[in-house]
Amino acid sequence: MKSLSRLLKLAAAYPPKWVFVALCAAIPIMFCKACDETPQLIEFLNAYVFECTSREVMVWGVVIWACALSNIRSIHGKPSKRVSEALQRLKRLKELEVTLEKNGLLLAHRYISEERRSLSDNLGFLAHSEETYRVIDQLSAVIRLFKR
């Protein structure tokens, strides 16, 4: 029963940092593959909007995605009240964990580190948001390089 409740909590949690980054990297690849294999988008644009090639649509889709990634902090905005409270609690648990480790209270340290790990798993990439956003910014720069 304990493992079932843990799975349900993880299903409602934010994705981990590297899953989030991998998805951000995979979206332009999937978009380019879709542009190559399905001509409907190109046919629609040619019929109703303007003349374009499949390559132009791929390039502009990737450029728009790179711009969205470079502005991901403003897109996400401020975390909700529930998430910001959890982030504050995670910060306090980290400080408490360091203090307990310095004082040699190993049993309490183990309990606090387990609680912090569980909360960090639930918060996913938000628990390490600055590091995640730094990696996303680098990914955005790499995607913009492929445009050239």
Protein backbone atom coordinates (compact mmCIF):
# COMPACT_ATOMS: atom_id res chain seq x y z
CA MET A 1 0.00 0.00 0.00
CA LYS A 2 2.87 2.34 0.77
CA SER A 3 4.35 1.87 -2.71
CA LEU A 4 0.95 2.55 -4.32
CA SER A 5 0.58 5.85 -2.48
CA ARG A 6 4.15 6.79 -3.48
CA LEU A 7 3.35 6.06 -7.14
CA LEU A 8 0.21 8.19 -6.96
CA LYS A 9 2.20 11.07 -5.44
CA LEU A 10 4.84 10.80 -8.16
CA ALA A 11 2.16 10.72 -10.87
CA ALA A 12 0.91 14.10 -9.68
CA ALA A 13 4.42 15.51 -9.21
CA TYR A 14 6.41 17.75 -11.50
CA PRO A 15 8.83 15.93 -13.82
CA PRO A 16 12.44 15.55 -12.69
CA LYS A 17 14.99 18.01 -14.01
CA TRP A 18 16.55 15.78 -16.67
CA VAL A 19 13.18 14.53 -17.93
CA PHE A 20 12.09 18.16 -18.36
CA VAL A 21 15.33 19.01 -20.20
CA ALA A 22 15.08 15.90 -22.40
CA LEU A 23 11.52 16.82 -23.37
CA CYS A 24 12.59 20.36 -24.21
CA ALA A 25 15.32 18.94 -26.44
CA ALA A 26 13.05 16.35 -28.07
CA ILE A 27 10.26 18.73 -29.13
CA PRO A 28 12.14 20.36 -32.05
CA ILE A 29 13.28 16.94 -33.25
CA MET A 30 9.71 15.63 -33.20
CA PHE A 31 8.47 18.80 -34.94
CA CYS A 32 11.04 18.42 -37.73
CA LYS A 33 10.15 14.74 -38.15
CA ALA A 34 6.45 15.62 -38.30
CA CYS A 35 7.12 18.30 -40.93
CA ASP A 36 9.04 15.77 -43.03
CA GLU A 37 6.51 12.95 -42.78
CA THR A 38 3.19 14.79 -42.87
CA PRO A 39 2.65 17.34 -45.65
CA GLN A 40 -0.72 18.57 -44.34
CA LEU A 41 0.71 21.56 -42.46
CA ILE A 42 2.71 22.69 -45.48
CA GLU A 43 -0.30 22.21 -47.78
CA PHE A 44 -2.49 24.23 -45.41
CA LEU A 45 0.02 27.07 -45.23
CA ASN A 46 0.48 27.07 -49.00
CA ALA A 47 -3.28 27.08 -49.65
CA TYR A 48 -4.43 29.66 -47.11
CA VAL A 49 -1.58 31.71 -45.72
CA PHE A 50 1.56 31.99 -47.85
CA GLU A 51 3.89 29.95 -49.99
CA CYS A 52 6.57 28.11 -48.03
CA THR A 53 8.65 24.99 -48.09
CA SER A 54 8.91 22.23 -45.54
CA ARG A 55 12.41 23.40 -44.61
CA GLU A 56 11.23 26.96 -43.92
CA VAL A 57 8.47 25.69 -41.63
CA MET A 58 10.95 23.49 -39.77
CA VAL A 59 13.40 26.36 -39.31
CA TRP A 60 10.75 28.78 -38.09
CA GLY A 61 9.24 26.19 -35.75
CA VAL A 62 12.64 25.53 -34.20
CA VAL A 63 13.38 29.27 -33.93
CA ILE A 64 10.06 29.90 -32.18
CA TRP A 65 10.78 27.00 -29.82
CA ALA A 66 14.26 28.39 -29.06
CA CYS A 67 12.72 31.80 -28.28
CA ALA A 68 10.18 30.15 -25.99
CA LEU A 69 12.95 28.27 -24.20
CA SER A 70 14.99 31.41 -23.71
CA ASN A 71 11.94 33.02 -22.04
CA ILE A 72 10.90 29.96 -20.04
CA ARG A 73 11.31 31.71 -16.69
CA SER A 74 8.72 34.33 -17.58
CA ILE A 75 6.48 31.69 -19.17
CA HIS A 76 6.44 29.66 -15.96
CA GLY A 77 5.95 32.79 -13.92
CA LYS A 78 5.84 32.73 -10.16
CA PRO A 79 5.15 29.35 -8.59
CA SER A 80 1.74 28.90 -7.04
CA LYS A 81 1.26 29.39 -3.31
CA ARG A 82 1.34 25.64 -2.66
CA VAL A 83 4.56 25.20 -4.62
CA SER A 84 6.24 28.25 -3.08
CA GLU A 85 5.42 26.94 0.41
CA ALA A 86 6.91 23.57 -0.53
CA LEU A 87 10.03 25.27 -1.90
CA GLN A 88 10.44 27.23 1.34
CA ARG A 89 10.02 24.01 3.32
CA LEU A 90 12.64 22.30 1.15
CA LYS A 91 15.06 25.16 1.81
CA ARG A 92 14.48 24.92 5.58
CA LEU A 93 14.95 21.13 5.47
CA LYS A 94 18.28 21.54 3.66
CA GLU A 95 19.48 23.99 6.32
CA LEU A 96 18.29 21.69 9.10
CA GLU A 97 19.98 18.72 7.46
CA VAL A 98 23.33 20.55 7.39
CA THR A 99 22.94 21.57 11.03
CA LEU A 100 22.07 18.04 12.14
CA GLU A 101 25.01 16.61 10.24
CA LYS A 102 27.39 19.08 11.87
CA ASN A 103 26.07 18.21 15.32
CA GLY A 104 26.27 14.46 14.72
CA LEU A 105 22.58 13.65 15.17
CA LEU A 106 22.54 10.84 12.63
CA LEU A 107 19.07 9.40 13.25
CA ALA A 108 17.38 12.78 12.93
CA HIS A 109 19.62 13.57 9.95
CA ARG A 110 18.49 10.39 8.18
CA TYR A 111 14.81 11.21 8.81
CA ILE A 112 15.19 14.79 7.57
CA SER A 113 17.16 13.74 4.48
CA GLU A 114 14.46 11.18 3.61
CA GLU A 115 11.78 13.84 3.99
CA ARG A 116 13.80 16.29 1.88
CA ARG A 117 14.37 13.67 -0.83
CA SER A 118 10.64 12.88 -0.95
CA LEU A 119 9.74 16.56 -1.19
CA SER A 120 12.41 17.10 -3.84
CA ASP A 121 11.04 14.18 -5.88
CA ASN A 122 7.58 15.69 -5.69
CA LEU A 123 8.76 19.15 -6.77
CA GLY A 124 10.82 17.76 -9.65
CA PHE A 125 12.64 20.39 -11.69
CA LEU A 126 11.28 23.19 -9.49
CA ALA A 127 13.45 21.98 -6.62
CA HIS A 128 16.53 22.81 -8.71
CA SER A 129 15.00 25.54 -10.82
CA GLU A 130 18.08 27.74 -11.27
CA GLU A 131 20.20 24.83 -12.46
CA THR A 132 17.38 23.62 -14.71
CA TYR A 133 16.90 27.05 -16.26
CA ARG A 134 20.65 27.36 -16.82
CA VAL A 135 20.65 24.05 -18.73
CA ILE A 136 17.56 25.15 -20.69
CA ASP A 137 19.30 28.42 -21.62
CA GLN A 138 22.28 26.45 -22.91
CA LEU A 139 19.95 24.15 -24.85
CA SER A 140 18.26 27.19 -26.36
CA ALA A 141 21.62 28.57 -27.47
CA VAL A 142 22.51 25.24 -29.10
CA ILE A 143 19.16 25.13 -30.93
CA ARG A 144 19.74 28.67 -32.22
CA LEU A 145 23.15 27.59 -33.52
CA PHE A 146 21.50 24.88 -35.63
CA LYS A 147 19.37 27.57 -37.28
CA ARG A 148 22.45 29.02 -38.92
